[in-house]
Amino acid sequence: MRRVIGAAFVSLDGVMQAPGGPEEDRTGGFDLGGWLFSYFDEAGGRRIDALFSQPFDLLLGRRTYDIFAAYWPFVEGEDAGLGARFDRARKYVLTRGAQPLSWANSHRLTGLDGLAEVKREEGPDLIIQGSSTLYPQLLAAGLIDRLILMTFPVVLGGGKRLFGEGAPPRSMRMVEHEVTPRGVVIATYEPDGQIAPGDFGAATTPSPAERERRARVAAGTW
């Protein structure tokens, strides 16, 4: 069985929109594209190289597919090698649309059942790039096996977030981490079941002020 691995660049406030350049994705008026540029360093580059050094397939949302298909088949220079690997990889696009998928080795998936079937097959890991709309539904369906986050020391204030509306509550377990010289936190997580809430004050009798505060919360006047 294959693994589905999400690999994402995110800001401190969880935004993952257009990390690579100003014209990558201006949806919603986002004008801070290219925000990771000043913080990317050799340590981050090594982590990306390691991620794509083994055989892999890509799992993409439709908009990220469009961005990649317009860039990677035509890239030159030092990124040409990665572009060639992306060309050879199978691209699974999770979309309900019927637009052509003209990039070599592209395959349409119209729903999570199709993805689950692909996941059960023999083959390399499926790596998610970009594709913010995928994460809530994949997490809810239990289809994410590993999450690699590169968190950059910036606050963007708005934009598409990694786990946006519709993301279910889940616990994650960190299995690996490092901090780069430029302050990028690279952490790898795996699903760890449901959240188990606790209460540090469970053994303490609430004060009159606390009881009054809770009453205001319940009444909607707090």
Protein backbone atom coordinates (compact mmCIF):
# COMPACT_ATOMS: atom_id res chain seq x y z
CA MET A 1 0.00 0.00 0.00
CA ARG A 2 1.21 3.46 -0.82
CA ARG A 3 1.49 6.35 1.61
CA VAL A 4 0.02 9.80 1.04
CA ILE A 5 2.55 12.38 2.19
CA GLY A 6 1.64 16.04 2.45
CA ALA A 7 4.65 18.35 2.07
CA ALA A 8 3.86 22.02 2.54
CA PHE A 9 5.50 25.39 3.02
CA VAL A 10 3.53 27.37 5.61
CA SER A 11 3.76 30.67 7.46
CA LEU A 12 3.52 30.96 11.23
CA ASP A 13 -0.19 31.67 10.85
CA GLY A 14 -0.72 28.61 8.67
CA VAL A 15 -0.90 30.27 5.24
CA MET A 16 0.46 28.24 2.33
CA GLN A 17 -0.66 30.36 -0.63
CA ALA A 18 1.88 31.28 -3.32
CA PRO A 19 5.13 30.64 -1.45
CA GLY A 20 7.23 30.53 -4.61
CA GLY A 21 6.53 33.77 -6.48
CA PRO A 22 4.28 36.83 -6.92
CA GLU A 23 2.31 35.42 -9.84
CA GLU A 24 1.89 31.91 -8.46
CA ASP A 25 -1.60 32.48 -7.02
CA ARG A 26 -3.18 35.91 -6.60
CA THR A 27 -6.60 34.42 -5.75
CA GLY A 28 -8.48 36.56 -3.24
CA GLY A 29 -6.18 39.52 -3.88
CA PHE A 30 -3.19 37.82 -2.26
CA ASP A 31 -0.18 40.04 -2.95
CA LEU A 32 2.58 38.48 -0.84
CA GLY A 33 3.53 35.68 -3.24
CA GLY A 34 7.15 34.60 -2.93
CA TRP A 35 7.21 35.00 0.84
CA LEU A 36 9.56 32.07 1.47
CA PHE A 37 12.33 33.38 -0.79
CA SER A 38 14.30 35.30 1.85
CA TYR A 39 14.33 32.38 4.30
CA PHE A 40 15.04 29.37 2.09
CA ASP A 41 18.51 27.95 2.70
CA GLU A 42 20.68 24.91 1.98
CA ALA A 43 19.13 22.91 4.82
CA GLY A 44 15.68 23.38 3.32
CA GLY A 45 17.00 22.51 -0.11
CA ARG A 46 18.46 19.26 1.21
CA ARG A 47 15.09 18.32 2.72
CA ILE A 48 13.34 18.90 -0.60
CA ASP A 49 16.01 16.91 -2.45
CA ALA A 50 15.57 14.02 -0.02
CA LEU A 51 11.79 14.09 -0.48
CA PHE A 52 12.06 13.74 -4.25
CA SER A 53 15.16 11.56 -4.46
CA GLN A 54 13.13 8.33 -4.23
CA PRO A 55 10.44 7.25 -6.72
CA PHE A 56 7.22 9.19 -6.18
CA ASP A 57 3.90 10.16 -7.72
CA LEU A 58 2.15 13.49 -7.21
CA LEU A 59 -1.28 14.13 -5.74
CA LEU A 60 -2.56 17.59 -6.68
CA GLY A 61 -5.63 19.76 -6.56
CA ARG A 62 -6.72 21.26 -9.86
CA ARG A 63 -5.29 24.76 -9.34
CA THR A 64 -1.91 23.51 -8.19
CA TYR A 65 -1.93 21.16 -11.18
CA ASP A 66 -2.48 24.15 -13.47
CA ILE A 67 0.40 26.03 -11.82
CA PHE A 68 2.75 23.06 -12.07
CA ALA A 69 1.74 22.12 -15.63
CA ALA A 70 2.50 25.67 -16.80
CA TYR A 71 5.92 25.70 -15.12
CA TRP A 72 7.70 22.40 -14.59
CA PRO A 73 7.63 20.99 -18.16
CA PHE A 74 9.35 24.18 -19.33
CA VAL A 75 11.79 24.87 -16.51
CA GLU A 76 15.49 25.22 -17.31
CA GLY A 77 18.71 25.62 -15.37
CA GLU A 78 19.31 24.07 -11.96
CA ASP A 79 15.65 23.04 -11.53
CA ALA A 80 15.51 21.14 -14.84
CA GLY A 81 16.34 17.85 -13.11
CA LEU A 82 13.38 18.13 -10.75
CA GLY A 83 11.21 19.18 -13.68
CA ALA A 84 12.18 15.99 -15.49
CA ARG A 85 11.28 13.91 -12.41
CA PHE A 86 7.91 15.63 -12.20
CA ASP A 87 7.35 14.88 -15.90
CA ARG A 88 8.05 11.18 -15.38
CA ALA A 89 5.92 10.88 -12.23
CA ARG A 90 2.24 10.09 -12.41
CA LYS A 91 0.13 13.12 -11.54
CA TYR A 92 -3.15 12.25 -9.81
CA VAL A 93 -5.47 15.27 -9.88
CA LEU A 94 -8.38 15.27 -7.45
CA THR A 95 -11.04 17.32 -9.24
CA ARG A 96 -14.70 17.18 -10.19
CA GLY A 97 -14.05 19.35 -13.24
CA ALA A 98 -13.71 18.10 -16.79
CA GLN A 99 -10.88 20.35 -17.97
CA PRO A 100 -8.14 18.67 -20.06
CA LEU A 101 -5.14 17.31 -18.17
CA SER A 102 -2.54 17.67 -20.89
CA TRP A 103 0.64 17.24 -18.84
CA ALA A 104 2.27 13.85 -19.46
CA ASN A 105 1.20 11.02 -17.14
CA SER A 106 -1.77 12.90 -15.66
CA HIS A 107 -4.76 11.04 -14.25
CA ARG A 108 -8.08 12.41 -13.03
CA LEU A 109 -9.58 11.35 -9.69
CA THR A 110 -13.16 12.49 -9.20
CA GLY A 111 -13.47 11.55 -5.54
CA LEU A 112 -11.86 10.11 -2.45
CA ASP A 113 -12.94 6.57 -3.32
CA GLY A 114 -10.74 6.75 -6.40
CA LEU A 115 -7.84 8.00 -4.33
CA ALA A 116 -8.31 5.24 -1.77
CA GLU A 117 -8.17 2.71 -4.61
CA VAL A 118 -4.93 4.22 -5.95
CA LYS A 119 -3.52 4.21 -2.43
CA ARG A 120 -4.16 0.47 -2.11
CA GLU A 121 -2.16 -0.27 -5.26
CA GLU A 122 1.51 -1.12 -5.37
CA GLY A 123 3.63 1.87 -6.25
CA PRO A 124 5.60 4.80 -4.88
CA ASP A 125 4.37 7.25 -2.28
CA LEU A 126 1.93 9.95 -3.35
CA ILE A 127 3.30 13.39 -2.47
CA ILE A 128 1.00 16.38 -2.14
CA GLN A 129 2.38 19.74 -3.24
CA GLY A 130 0.38 22.91 -2.70
CA SER A 131 -3.30 21.96 -3.03
CA SER A 132 -4.68 23.54 0.14
CA THR A 133 -8.22 22.33 -0.61
CA LEU A 134 -7.16 18.69 -0.28
CA TYR A 135 -6.02 18.67 3.33
CA PRO A 136 -9.32 18.99 5.24
CA GLN A 137 -11.03 16.25 3.25
CA LEU A 138 -8.04 13.89 3.27
CA LEU A 139 -7.57 14.32 7.01
CA ALA A 140 -11.27 13.65 7.61
CA ALA A 141 -11.11 10.51 5.46
CA GLY A 142 -7.97 9.18 7.15
CA LEU A 143 -6.00 9.26 3.90
CA ILE A 144 -2.97 11.26 5.07
CA ASP A 145 -0.13 9.08 6.36
CA ARG A 146 2.55 11.70 6.91
CA LEU A 147 2.76 15.48 7.00
CA ILE A 148 6.01 17.35 6.40
CA LEU A 149 5.73 21.04 7.27
CA MET A 150 8.37 23.66 6.58
CA THR A 151 7.23 26.57 8.76
CA PHE A 152 8.78 29.91 7.85
CA PRO A 153 9.20 32.81 10.34
CA VAL A 154 6.63 35.11 8.70
CA VAL A 155 3.07 36.13 9.55
CA LEU A 156 1.03 36.78 6.40
CA GLY A 157 -2.30 37.74 7.93
CA GLY A 158 -4.46 36.17 5.23
CA GLY A 159 -4.50 33.71 2.37
CA LYS A 160 -5.22 30.03 1.81
CA ARG A 161 -4.44 27.99 4.89
CA LEU A 162 -3.20 24.44 5.23
CA PHE A 163 -6.14 23.33 7.35
CA GLY A 164 -8.94 25.71 6.51
CA GLU A 165 -12.68 25.45 6.88
CA GLY A 166 -13.94 21.91 7.26
CA ALA A 167 -10.77 20.45 8.79
CA PRO A 168 -11.67 17.91 11.50
CA PRO A 169 -9.97 17.85 14.92
CA ARG A 170 -7.15 15.32 14.96
CA SER A 171 -4.05 14.59 17.03
CA MET A 172 -0.65 14.40 15.32
CA ARG A 173 2.60 12.86 16.55
CA MET A 174 5.94 14.45 15.66
CA VAL A 175 8.44 11.90 14.35
CA GLU A 176 11.24 14.16 13.13
CA HIS A 177 12.26 17.80 13.30
CA GLU A 178 15.05 20.28 12.64
CA VAL A 179 15.53 24.06 12.60
CA THR A 180 17.48 25.60 9.74
CA PRO A 181 20.00 28.43 10.19
CA ARG A 182 17.41 30.91 8.87
CA GLY A 183 14.79 29.86 11.37
CA VAL A 184 12.68 27.50 9.27
CA VAL A 185 11.19 24.70 11.38
CA ILE A 186 10.99 21.45 9.42
CA ALA A 187 8.79 18.97 11.25
CA THR A 188 7.35 15.63 10.23
CA TYR A 189 4.08 14.41 11.73
CA GLU A 190 1.98 11.27 11.55
CA PRO A 191 -1.69 10.88 12.56
CA ASP A 192 -2.19 9.90 16.18
CA GLY A 193 -5.93 9.44 16.58
CA GLN A 194 -8.52 11.65 18.17
CA ILE A 195 -7.79 14.57 20.47
CA ALA A 196 -8.10 13.71 24.18
CA PRO A 197 -8.93 16.96 26.02
CA GLY A 198 -7.97 17.37 29.67
CA ASP A 199 -8.42 19.92 32.43
CA PHE A 200 -5.56 21.21 34.59
CA GLY A 201 -8.09 22.58 37.03
CA ALA A 202 -10.31 19.50 37.28
CA ALA A 203 -9.45 18.88 40.93
CA THR A 204 -10.08 22.50 41.95
CA THR A 205 -13.47 23.73 43.12
CA PRO A 206 -14.48 26.69 40.93
CA SER A 207 -14.44 30.02 42.69
CA PRO A 208 -17.63 32.10 42.88
CA ALA A 209 -16.14 34.40 40.23
CA GLU A 210 -15.46 31.44 37.96
CA ARG A 211 -19.00 30.08 38.45
CA GLU A 212 -20.37 33.49 37.57
CA ARG A 213 -18.14 33.66 34.47
CA ARG A 214 -19.34 30.24 33.31
CA ALA A 215 -22.94 31.32 33.76
CA ARG A 216 -22.29 34.33 31.52
CA VAL A 217 -20.67 32.04 28.94
CA ALA A 218 -23.74 29.78 28.94
CA ALA A 219 -26.04 32.81 28.62
CA GLY A 220 -24.02 34.27 25.78
CA THR A 221 -23.25 37.48 27.67
CA TRP A 222 -19.54 36.94 28.31
